[in-house]
Amino acid sequence: MIIDGKAIAAAIREEAKAKAESLKARGIIPSLSVILVGDDPASQIYVRNKGRACDSAGIVSNIIRMPADTSQRALMEQITALNGDATVSGILVQLPLPAHLDEAMALELIDPRKDVDGLHPMNAGYMALGMPGIVSCTPKGCIELLKRSGIKIAGANAVVVGRSNIVGKPMAMLLLKEHATMTICHSRTADLGQITRQADILVVAAGRQALITEGMVKPGAAVLDVGTNRGQDGKLRGDVDFEGVSRVAGWITPVPRGVGPMTIAMLLMNTLEAAGSQGV
C-alpha cells in the first residue's frame, strides 16, 4: 500500500481550518511569524508554501525577510521582539541560516510556548520525558501517517535510520512513547541491513539517496521515507529505493507526496495548539 501523504495532509488541513475557526470564535487569532534570512532558493519556496498553507487554514502569516548579511545581534533582537508580541502565536526561524549565524543560539532564544518547530531544548526535553510540549513537525507527521494508515505501533519493532535533532532523535522518542521497541541506526552502524530487516516500522532520514534497498527490508514492513535528495535530473528522490522496496514492503511513502506534505500540516496544528495554550 502506498501511503498518500498529500491526501492525509489535506484532511489534516481541513481539521486545522475548523480548529482555527473555533479559536477565532473564542476571540483567539492564531498567527505565525517566519523569519527568513538570506535568499536561499529552497528556503524561499518552503516559506512561501508555509505562508499559503497558513492562509488557507485561517492562520495569519507574517514573513519577516532579513538580508543574508544580517548580524547575530539583529537576528536575536528580531526574535526577542516576536517573543514579546502578544499577537504572535508561533515563531519559526527558517533553516538553514547563513553560515556566519549561530542556529542553536537563535532557536534557544525563541519562547518555548511559541516554538512551533519544536526545536527548542525545553520542548525536546519535554518530549524525551513524555511531558506535554510542542513536538517537532516531521516526526509528528510520521506518527500521524502510521496511525491514519492503520499501522499498529505498540509492540512493533521500529528502526530509525538517522540521528539528527530535527528528525531522527525525536522520531525515536515518539515511537517509544507509542510503545514500539526502538533501535536507532546511523553512519557508524555496522551491517545496517541486518538491523533494518528486523523492522516492522522503518523510518529513514539519513540524507543519502537510495540508501535502503529491497534486500534490507522485512516483507510486509511499513517504510516511511523522510529523505529529500535532488537527483542529477533535478527530480526529488528519497533515501529509499522506492521501486525495489515497494515490492516487499506492506506500506511505503513515496517521495514526493509522502512525508513532506505532513510537515507543513503539523506546523499548522502546532501553531493552533500554541495559540490555544497562550490564549492569543
Protein backbone atom coordinates (compact mmCIF):
# COMPACT_ATOMS: atom_id res chain seq x y z
CA MET A 1 0.00 0.00 0.00
CA ILE A 2 1.36 3.39 -1.00
CA ILE A 3 0.71 5.89 1.82
CA ASP A 4 -0.58 9.09 0.20
CA GLY A 5 0.84 11.75 2.50
CA LYS A 6 -0.61 14.51 0.36
CA ALA A 7 -4.16 13.22 0.81
CA ILE A 8 -3.73 12.67 4.55
CA ALA A 9 -2.19 16.13 4.93
CA ALA A 10 -5.15 17.65 3.05
CA ALA A 11 -7.54 16.07 5.56
CA ILE A 12 -5.48 17.45 8.46
CA ARG A 13 -5.50 20.91 6.86
CA GLU A 14 -9.30 20.80 6.86
CA GLU A 15 -9.19 19.88 10.55
CA ALA A 16 -6.82 22.80 11.11
CA LYS A 17 -9.21 25.15 9.36
CA ALA A 18 -12.04 24.07 11.63
CA LYS A 19 -9.83 24.43 14.70
CA ALA A 20 -8.80 27.93 13.63
CA GLU A 21 -12.46 28.91 13.30
CA SER A 22 -13.13 27.53 16.78
CA LEU A 23 -10.28 29.59 18.24
CA LYS A 24 -11.49 32.73 16.48
CA ALA A 25 -14.95 32.19 17.97
CA ARG A 26 -13.25 32.43 21.37
CA GLY A 27 -11.51 35.66 20.35
CA ILE A 28 -8.15 33.98 19.68
CA ILE A 29 -6.50 34.90 16.37
CA PRO A 30 -3.78 32.31 15.56
CA SER A 31 -0.72 33.73 13.82
CA LEU A 32 2.67 32.52 12.63
CA SER A 33 5.74 34.69 12.09
CA VAL A 34 8.51 33.22 9.93
CA ILE A 35 11.99 34.72 9.88
CA LEU A 36 13.78 34.21 6.57
CA VAL A 37 17.42 35.28 6.45
CA GLY A 38 19.04 35.49 3.02
CA ASP A 39 17.79 34.42 -0.38
CA ASP A 40 18.35 30.65 -0.49
CA PRO A 41 16.03 29.41 -3.31
CA ALA A 42 14.84 26.30 -1.47
CA SER A 43 14.10 28.28 1.69
CA GLN A 44 12.17 30.82 -0.36
CA ILE A 45 9.94 28.03 -1.68
CA TYR A 46 9.45 26.44 1.74
CA VAL A 47 8.50 29.75 3.32
CA ARG A 48 6.10 30.61 0.52
CA ASN A 49 4.39 27.22 0.89
CA LYS A 50 4.09 27.68 4.64
CA GLY A 51 2.51 31.10 4.14
CA ARG A 52 -0.02 29.72 1.67
CA ALA A 53 -0.88 26.85 3.99
CA CYS A 54 -1.49 29.28 6.84
CA ASP A 55 -3.69 31.47 4.68
CA SER A 56 -5.82 28.50 3.58
CA ALA A 57 -6.24 27.35 7.19
CA GLY A 58 -7.23 30.76 8.51
CA ILE A 59 -3.96 31.42 10.30
CA VAL A 60 -2.42 34.88 9.99
CA SER A 61 1.05 34.56 8.47
CA ASN A 62 3.85 37.11 8.57
CA ILE A 63 7.12 36.56 6.70
CA ILE A 64 9.99 38.67 8.02
CA ARG A 65 12.73 38.86 5.40
CA MET A 66 16.22 39.77 6.56
CA PRO A 67 19.32 40.23 4.34
CA ALA A 68 21.96 37.50 4.07
CA ASP A 69 24.49 39.65 5.94
CA THR A 70 22.20 40.06 8.97
CA SER A 71 24.20 40.07 12.20
CA GLN A 72 23.57 37.66 15.08
CA ARG A 73 22.54 40.60 17.21
CA ALA A 74 19.96 41.79 14.68
CA LEU A 75 18.51 38.30 14.40
CA MET A 76 18.30 37.93 18.18
CA GLU A 77 16.63 41.32 18.50
CA GLN A 78 14.01 40.28 15.95
CA ILE A 79 13.29 37.05 17.81
CA THR A 80 13.08 38.93 21.12
CA ALA A 81 10.58 41.35 19.61
CA LEU A 82 8.37 38.49 18.42
CA ASN A 83 8.62 36.80 21.82
CA GLY A 84 7.18 39.93 23.38
CA ASP A 85 4.44 40.45 20.79
CA ALA A 86 1.17 39.18 22.27
CA THR A 87 -0.40 38.91 18.80
CA VAL A 88 2.17 36.31 17.67
CA SER A 89 1.21 32.70 18.43
CA GLY A 90 4.14 30.95 16.77
CA ILE A 91 7.69 31.79 15.70
CA LEU A 92 9.71 29.88 13.12
CA VAL A 93 13.28 30.59 12.04
CA GLN A 94 13.73 29.10 8.57
CA LEU A 95 16.77 26.82 8.44
CA PRO A 96 19.47 26.68 7.33
CA LEU A 97 20.70 30.11 8.35
CA PRO A 98 23.72 31.70 6.62
CA ALA A 99 26.97 30.12 7.84
CA HIS A 100 28.02 33.10 9.97
CA LEU A 101 24.93 32.84 12.18
CA ASP A 102 24.58 30.56 15.22
CA GLU A 103 21.44 28.48 14.66
CA ALA A 104 21.44 26.90 18.12
CA MET A 105 21.62 30.30 19.81
CA ALA A 106 18.73 31.61 17.71
CA LEU A 107 16.50 28.59 18.32
CA GLU A 108 17.17 28.63 22.05
CA LEU A 109 16.03 32.26 22.27
CA ILE A 110 12.56 31.52 20.92
CA ASP A 111 9.88 31.43 23.61
CA PRO A 112 9.23 27.66 24.06
CA ARG A 113 5.48 28.35 24.02
CA LYS A 114 5.87 29.85 20.52
CA ASP A 115 8.41 27.32 19.23
CA VAL A 116 6.12 25.77 16.61
CA ASP A 117 9.04 23.87 15.01
CA GLY A 118 9.52 22.02 18.31
CA LEU A 119 13.28 22.56 18.23
CA HIS A 120 13.80 24.46 21.49
CA PRO A 121 15.84 22.43 24.04
CA MET A 122 12.98 22.74 26.53
CA ASN A 123 10.45 21.19 24.13
CA ALA A 124 12.96 18.49 23.19
CA GLY A 125 13.38 17.76 26.90
CA TYR A 126 9.63 17.61 27.48
CA MET A 127 9.30 15.10 24.65
CA ALA A 128 12.13 12.93 25.99
CA LEU A 129 10.41 12.87 29.39
CA GLY A 130 6.99 12.17 27.90
CA MET A 131 5.63 15.50 29.10
CA PRO A 132 3.30 17.84 27.15
CA GLY A 133 5.09 20.21 24.80
CA ILE A 134 5.40 21.19 21.15
CA VAL A 135 6.66 18.30 19.03
CA SER A 136 8.94 18.59 16.00
CA CYS A 137 6.78 18.72 12.86
CA THR A 138 8.23 15.98 10.66
CA PRO A 139 8.36 13.21 13.32
CA LYS A 140 4.89 14.22 14.48
CA GLY A 141 3.70 13.91 10.89
CA CYS A 142 5.22 10.44 10.59
CA ILE A 143 3.30 9.25 13.64
CA GLU A 144 0.09 10.60 12.09
CA LEU A 145 0.82 8.77 8.83
CA LEU A 146 1.21 5.49 10.71
CA LYS A 147 -1.92 5.95 12.80
CA ARG A 148 -4.14 7.14 9.95
CA SER A 149 -2.96 4.26 7.78
CA GLY A 150 -3.99 1.75 10.44
CA ILE A 151 -0.45 0.59 11.17
CA LYS A 152 -0.01 -0.81 14.67
CA ILE A 153 2.84 0.88 16.54
CA ALA A 154 2.55 -0.61 20.03
CA GLY A 155 4.69 -3.73 20.29
CA ALA A 156 6.26 -3.24 16.85
CA ASN A 157 9.99 -3.40 16.23
CA ALA A 158 10.82 0.07 14.95
CA VAL A 159 14.09 1.18 13.38
CA VAL A 160 15.03 4.79 12.65
CA VAL A 161 17.94 5.40 10.28
CA GLY A 162 19.42 8.81 11.10
CA ARG A 163 20.07 10.59 14.38
CA SER A 164 19.51 14.28 13.62
CA ASN A 165 17.94 16.57 16.21
CA ILE A 166 15.24 17.53 13.72
CA VAL A 167 14.05 14.05 12.68
CA GLY A 168 15.98 11.01 13.90
CA LYS A 169 16.13 11.56 17.67
CA PRO A 170 12.60 12.97 18.13
CA MET A 171 11.22 10.24 15.84
CA ALA A 172 12.72 7.60 18.09
CA MET A 173 11.29 9.27 21.18
CA LEU A 174 7.79 9.44 19.68
CA LEU A 175 7.84 5.80 18.59
CA LEU A 176 9.00 4.83 22.07
CA LYS A 177 6.14 6.87 23.54
CA GLU A 178 3.75 4.87 21.34
CA HIS A 179 5.19 1.67 22.88
CA ALA A 180 7.34 0.49 19.98
CA THR A 181 10.67 -1.27 20.63
CA MET A 182 13.24 1.17 19.28
CA THR A 183 16.57 0.92 17.50
CA ILE A 184 18.45 3.93 16.07
CA CYS A 185 20.95 3.43 13.25
CA HIS A 186 23.47 5.92 11.92
CA SER A 187 26.64 6.31 9.85
CA ARG A 188 28.68 4.20 12.29
CA THR A 189 26.17 1.33 12.43
CA ALA A 190 27.75 -2.00 11.46
CA ASP A 191 25.74 -4.10 8.96
CA LEU A 192 22.83 -1.71 8.58
CA GLY A 193 20.81 -4.19 6.53
CA GLN A 194 20.86 -6.82 9.26
CA ILE A 195 19.13 -4.37 11.61
CA THR A 196 16.68 -2.81 9.14
CA ARG A 197 15.49 -6.30 8.09
CA GLN A 198 14.13 -6.76 11.63
CA ALA A 199 11.96 -3.65 11.48
CA ASP A 200 8.17 -3.79 11.38
CA ILE A 201 8.33 0.00 11.07
CA LEU A 202 11.31 1.54 9.27
CA VAL A 203 11.79 5.32 9.20
CA VAL A 204 14.67 6.52 7.03
CA ALA A 205 16.07 10.02 7.49
CA ALA A 206 19.74 9.72 6.59
CA GLY A 207 20.06 12.14 3.68
CA ARG A 208 21.52 9.52 1.30
CA GLN A 209 19.67 8.71 -1.89
CA ALA A 210 18.55 5.07 -2.28
CA LEU A 211 20.39 4.03 0.90
CA ILE A 212 17.74 1.41 1.70
CA THR A 213 17.29 -1.28 -0.94
CA GLU A 214 14.89 -4.18 -1.38
CA GLY A 215 17.05 -6.72 0.43
CA MET A 216 17.28 -4.52 3.52
CA VAL A 217 13.54 -4.52 4.28
CA LYS A 218 11.40 -7.06 6.10
CA PRO A 219 8.49 -8.30 3.96
CA GLY A 220 5.29 -6.51 5.00
CA ALA A 221 7.09 -3.71 6.86
CA ALA A 222 5.87 -0.11 6.97
CA VAL A 223 8.55 2.12 5.41
CA LEU A 224 8.50 5.89 5.85
CA ASP A 225 10.98 7.75 3.65
CA VAL A 226 11.88 11.17 5.05
CA GLY A 227 14.72 11.74 2.57
CA THR A 228 14.68 14.66 0.12
CA ASN A 229 17.57 14.33 -2.32
CA ARG A 230 17.76 16.23 -5.59
CA GLY A 231 18.95 13.94 -8.39
CA GLN A 232 21.09 14.96 -11.35
CA ASP A 233 17.90 15.25 -13.41
CA GLY A 234 16.52 17.74 -10.86
CA LYS A 235 13.86 15.34 -9.57
CA LEU A 236 13.27 14.79 -5.87
CA ARG A 237 14.15 11.34 -4.57
CA GLY A 238 14.18 9.74 -1.14
CA ASP A 239 16.57 7.69 0.95
CA VAL A 240 14.69 4.52 -0.05
CA ASP A 241 14.89 2.75 -3.43
CA PHE A 242 11.15 3.06 -3.97
CA GLU A 243 10.87 0.73 -6.95
CA GLY A 244 12.69 -2.12 -5.25
CA VAL A 245 11.43 -1.70 -1.69
CA SER A 246 7.79 -1.30 -2.79
CA ARG A 247 7.93 -4.94 -3.96
CA VAL A 248 8.42 -6.21 -0.39
CA ALA A 249 7.04 -3.51 1.93
CA GLY A 250 3.48 -3.67 3.23
CA TRP A 251 3.24 0.14 3.32
CA ILE A 252 5.56 2.74 1.84
CA THR A 253 5.63 6.52 1.43
CA PRO A 254 6.65 7.94 -1.94
CA VAL A 255 8.91 10.96 -2.49
CA PRO A 256 7.35 13.39 -3.13
CA ARG A 257 3.72 13.13 -1.82
CA GLY A 258 4.76 11.19 1.26
CA VAL A 259 6.15 12.66 4.46
CA GLY A 260 6.80 16.15 3.04
CA PRO A 261 3.19 17.44 2.99
CA MET A 262 2.73 16.23 6.57
CA THR A 263 5.45 18.55 7.87
CA ILE A 264 3.52 21.67 6.92
CA ALA A 265 0.24 20.15 8.12
CA MET A 266 1.80 19.56 11.54
CA LEU A 267 3.19 23.09 11.54
CA LEU A 268 -0.37 24.37 11.22
CA MET A 269 -1.51 22.15 14.08
CA ASN A 270 1.42 23.22 16.27
CA THR A 271 0.61 26.89 15.61
CA LEU A 272 -3.02 26.35 16.57
CA GLU A 273 -2.04 24.47 19.72
CA ALA A 274 0.34 27.27 20.65
CA ALA A 275 -2.38 29.86 20.08
CA GLY A 276 -4.83 27.94 22.22
CA SER A 277 -2.39 27.45 25.10
CA GLN A 278 -1.41 31.16 25.08
CA GLY A 279 -4.91 32.44 24.51
CA VAL A 280 -3.64 34.71 21.68
